[in-house]
Structure formats: C-alpha cells, structure tokens
Protein backbone atom coordinates (compact mmCIF):
# COMPACT_ATOMS: atom_id res chain seq x y z
CA MET A 1 -1.51 -11.25 25.00
CA ALA A 2 -1.51 -7.61 26.08
CA LEU A 3 0.43 -5.07 24.05
CA PRO A 4 1.24 -1.48 25.04
CA ASP A 5 -0.82 1.38 23.61
CA THR A 6 2.16 2.85 21.75
CA THR A 7 5.88 2.56 21.48
CA ARG A 8 8.20 5.37 20.57
CA GLY A 9 11.08 5.12 18.14
CA LEU A 10 13.08 1.95 18.66
CA PRO A 11 11.48 -1.39 19.57
CA ASN A 12 12.65 -1.12 23.20
CA GLY A 13 11.12 2.34 23.54
CA GLY A 14 14.43 4.17 23.16
CA GLY A 15 15.00 7.22 21.03
CA GLY A 16 12.58 9.71 19.55
CA GLY A 17 10.40 9.30 16.54
CA ALA A 18 6.80 8.83 15.55
CA SER A 19 4.59 6.70 17.71
CA VAL A 20 3.55 3.32 16.38
CA PRO A 21 -0.04 2.36 17.25
CA ARG A 22 -0.46 -0.99 19.00
CA LEU A 23 -3.54 -2.92 19.98
CA THR A 24 -4.81 -2.60 23.52
CA PRO A 25 -6.23 -5.65 25.29
CA SER A 26 -9.77 -4.44 24.48
CA GLN A 27 -8.93 -4.46 20.76
CA SER A 28 -8.53 -8.22 20.57
CA LEU A 29 -7.81 -9.90 17.26
CA GLU A 30 -10.25 -12.68 18.16
CA GLY A 31 -12.89 -13.07 15.50
CA ARG A 32 -10.71 -11.52 12.80
CA ARG A 33 -9.64 -13.77 9.98
CA SER A 34 -5.98 -14.02 9.06
CA GLY A 35 -4.89 -13.41 5.50
CA TYR A 36 -2.98 -11.31 3.03
CA ILE A 37 -3.85 -8.15 1.12
CA THR A 38 -1.66 -6.67 -1.59
CA VAL A 39 -1.93 -3.03 -2.63
CA GLY A 40 -0.20 -1.79 -5.75
CA TYR A 41 0.11 1.24 -7.96
CA ARG A 42 1.62 2.34 -11.25
CA GLY A 43 3.62 5.51 -11.33
CA SER A 44 5.67 7.55 -13.75
CA TYR A 45 8.29 10.22 -13.45
CA THR A 46 10.55 12.25 -15.67
CA ILE A 47 14.24 12.73 -15.09
CA GLY A 48 15.63 15.86 -16.68
CA ARG A 49 18.74 16.35 -18.73
CA GLU A 50 20.89 16.54 -15.65
CA ALA A 51 20.59 13.44 -13.53
CA GLN A 52 21.20 15.55 -10.41
CA ALA A 53 17.99 17.55 -10.99
CA ASP A 54 14.80 16.67 -9.12
CA ALA A 55 12.60 14.12 -10.79
CA LYS A 56 9.08 15.22 -11.72
CA PHE A 57 6.57 12.73 -10.30
CA ARG A 58 2.98 12.32 -11.41
CA ARG A 59 0.34 11.57 -8.82
CA VAL A 60 -0.78 8.00 -8.19
CA ALA A 61 -3.71 7.41 -10.54
CA ARG A 62 -5.15 4.28 -8.92
CA ILE A 63 -4.32 1.98 -6.01
CA THR A 64 -5.23 -1.63 -6.77
CA VAL A 65 -6.23 -4.21 -4.16
CA CYS A 66 -5.63 -7.94 -4.40
CA GLY A 67 -6.76 -10.53 -1.88
CA LYS A 68 -9.77 -12.28 -0.41
CA THR A 69 -12.93 -10.31 -1.14
CA SER A 70 -14.21 -10.46 2.45
CA LEU A 71 -10.90 -9.16 3.88
CA ALA A 72 -10.71 -6.32 1.36
CA LYS A 73 -14.28 -5.24 2.19
CA GLU A 74 -13.58 -5.47 5.93
CA VAL A 75 -10.48 -3.27 5.71
CA PHE A 76 -11.49 -0.72 3.10
CA GLY A 77 -15.29 -0.70 3.44
CA GLU A 78 -16.99 1.98 1.33
CA THR A 79 -13.66 3.22 -0.03
CA LEU A 80 -13.26 -0.02 -2.02
CA ASN A 81 -14.37 0.28 -5.65
CA GLU A 82 -15.82 -3.08 -6.70
CA SER A 83 -17.11 -2.01 -10.12
CA ARG A 84 -14.62 -4.20 -12.02
CA ASP A 85 -15.64 -7.36 -10.10
CA PRO A 86 -19.07 -6.62 -8.57
CA ASP A 87 -20.42 -10.12 -7.92
CA ARG A 88 -17.35 -11.76 -6.40
CA PRO A 89 -18.34 -14.11 -3.51
CA PRO A 90 -16.74 -13.23 -0.11
CA GLU A 91 -14.70 -16.45 0.09
CA ARG A 92 -13.09 -15.89 -3.35
CA TYR A 93 -9.97 -13.94 -4.25
CA THR A 94 -9.75 -10.99 -6.63
CA SER A 95 -7.14 -8.68 -8.09
CA ARG A 96 -9.65 -6.38 -9.78
CA TYR A 97 -10.60 -4.00 -6.94
CA TYR A 98 -9.19 -0.55 -6.51
CA LEU A 99 -9.54 2.22 -3.96
CA LYS A 100 -11.62 5.38 -4.30
CA PHE A 101 -8.74 7.47 -2.94
CA ASN A 102 -5.18 7.95 -4.22
CA PHE A 103 -3.09 8.26 -1.07
CA LEU A 104 -0.91 5.27 -0.17
CA GLU A 105 -0.60 6.49 3.41
CA GLN A 106 -4.38 6.33 3.78
CA ALA A 107 -4.39 2.72 2.55
CA PHE A 108 -1.54 1.85 4.93
CA ASP A 109 -3.42 3.46 7.84
CA LYS A 110 -6.57 1.44 7.10
CA LEU A 111 -4.56 -1.79 6.92
CA SER A 112 -2.72 -1.00 10.16
CA GLU A 113 -5.97 -0.14 11.97
CA SER A 114 -7.30 -3.55 10.91
CA GLY A 115 -4.31 -5.40 12.38
CA PHE A 116 -2.29 -5.90 9.19
CA HIS A 117 1.45 -5.34 8.95
CA MET A 118 3.70 -5.09 5.89
CA VAL A 119 5.65 -8.26 5.14
CA ALA A 120 7.05 -7.53 1.67
CA CYS A 121 7.26 -4.98 -1.10
CA SER A 122 8.49 -5.02 -4.65
CA SER A 123 9.00 -2.40 -7.33
CA THR A 124 9.99 -2.45 -10.97
CA GLY A 125 10.84 0.39 -13.30
CA THR A 126 11.41 0.80 -17.01
CA CYS A 127 12.45 3.66 -19.22
CA ALA A 128 9.54 4.36 -21.56
CA PHE A 129 11.58 6.63 -23.83
CA ALA A 130 15.16 5.81 -24.68
CA SER A 131 17.10 8.11 -26.92
CA ASN A 132 20.76 8.62 -27.64
CA ASP A 133 20.18 12.36 -27.34
CA GLN A 134 21.42 13.25 -23.85
CA SER A 135 19.54 16.57 -23.96
CA GLU A 136 16.09 14.90 -23.91
CA ASP A 137 14.16 14.03 -20.75
CA LYS A 138 13.68 10.37 -19.94
CA VAL A 139 10.24 9.14 -18.86
CA TRP A 140 10.23 6.21 -16.45
CA THR A 141 7.29 4.06 -15.41
CA SER A 142 7.13 1.87 -12.34
CA TYR A 143 4.87 -0.65 -10.66
CA THR A 144 5.05 -1.10 -6.90
CA GLU A 145 3.31 -3.65 -4.67
CA TYR A 146 3.08 -3.84 -0.89
CA VAL A 147 2.06 -7.12 0.75
CA PHE A 148 0.31 -6.98 4.13
CA CYS A 149 -0.46 -9.86 6.49
CA ARG A 150 -2.72 -10.38 9.48
CA ASP A 151 -2.01 -13.48 11.55
C-alpha cells in the first residue's frame, strides 16, 4: 500500500495548514510489531483571583511511558529512562519508564516517526487548594494520558 509523502491541511489535500508526514513505499511497516504505547504527564497551574486572567502553568516535570518494553525501547531509544524498571524483559509490559526530555511534542514526533498514531486521550483535574476566600489563587493539578497505536 503506497501512501503519499505528505498531505496538506484537509484529508483530501484541500486548504492550507501544516504538512502531515506519511510513509513512503520504501518506509514499509513490514517487520514492525503492532501495539500500544501510552504517554502521560502530571501538570499544575494556578488560576488567579480573576478567572479571566491567564493561568500560570508549570513546566512538565516528567513524561511517563507505559507499554511493551520492546516497543518503548524501539520508539524512544536512548531517551527512555529505564532506571525504575531496569531488568524488564522485552516481551513484558511496564508503566515505570519515563523520558529523559520534557517536551510532549518531541515524544509525539518520535511516536509518529515510528508509525504510531494517537487513538485516545484523557485528562483529569482537581483543585488542590479550595478556600471560600475569593481573593486567593486556586492551584489545580492534572494528569493527562495519550494513547498511541501502531497496526
């Protein structure tokens, strides 16, 4: 099955927008194992006294990786930190790995380059500080996961 090098904008090639990389016939998926990888992160942000004001976000501290060990190593290579689960056999699953970088876009690029596409995402948020005093800032924490699949 041959796919075009890139498409622009809409699926039928219409409209402007960023190009979406596609596999060329020479970049066959043969020999690649199918599977799922989930990346997740915890975040926090503060919303000021006026809800209209910009929220203050903290940087992502750690991106976690969950999935089959062999797939995670194939996709992330040397950027995968295995120190929390160092002796995991390749055929086993883990949720204890994390990445050595803190940029979600970089993780998404590596997954896309390896033939994965996003199939689901989920996010939760809670208010860590609740007060009846409307003049105080509210600190929120969140956890977000992105599920990627390669067929």
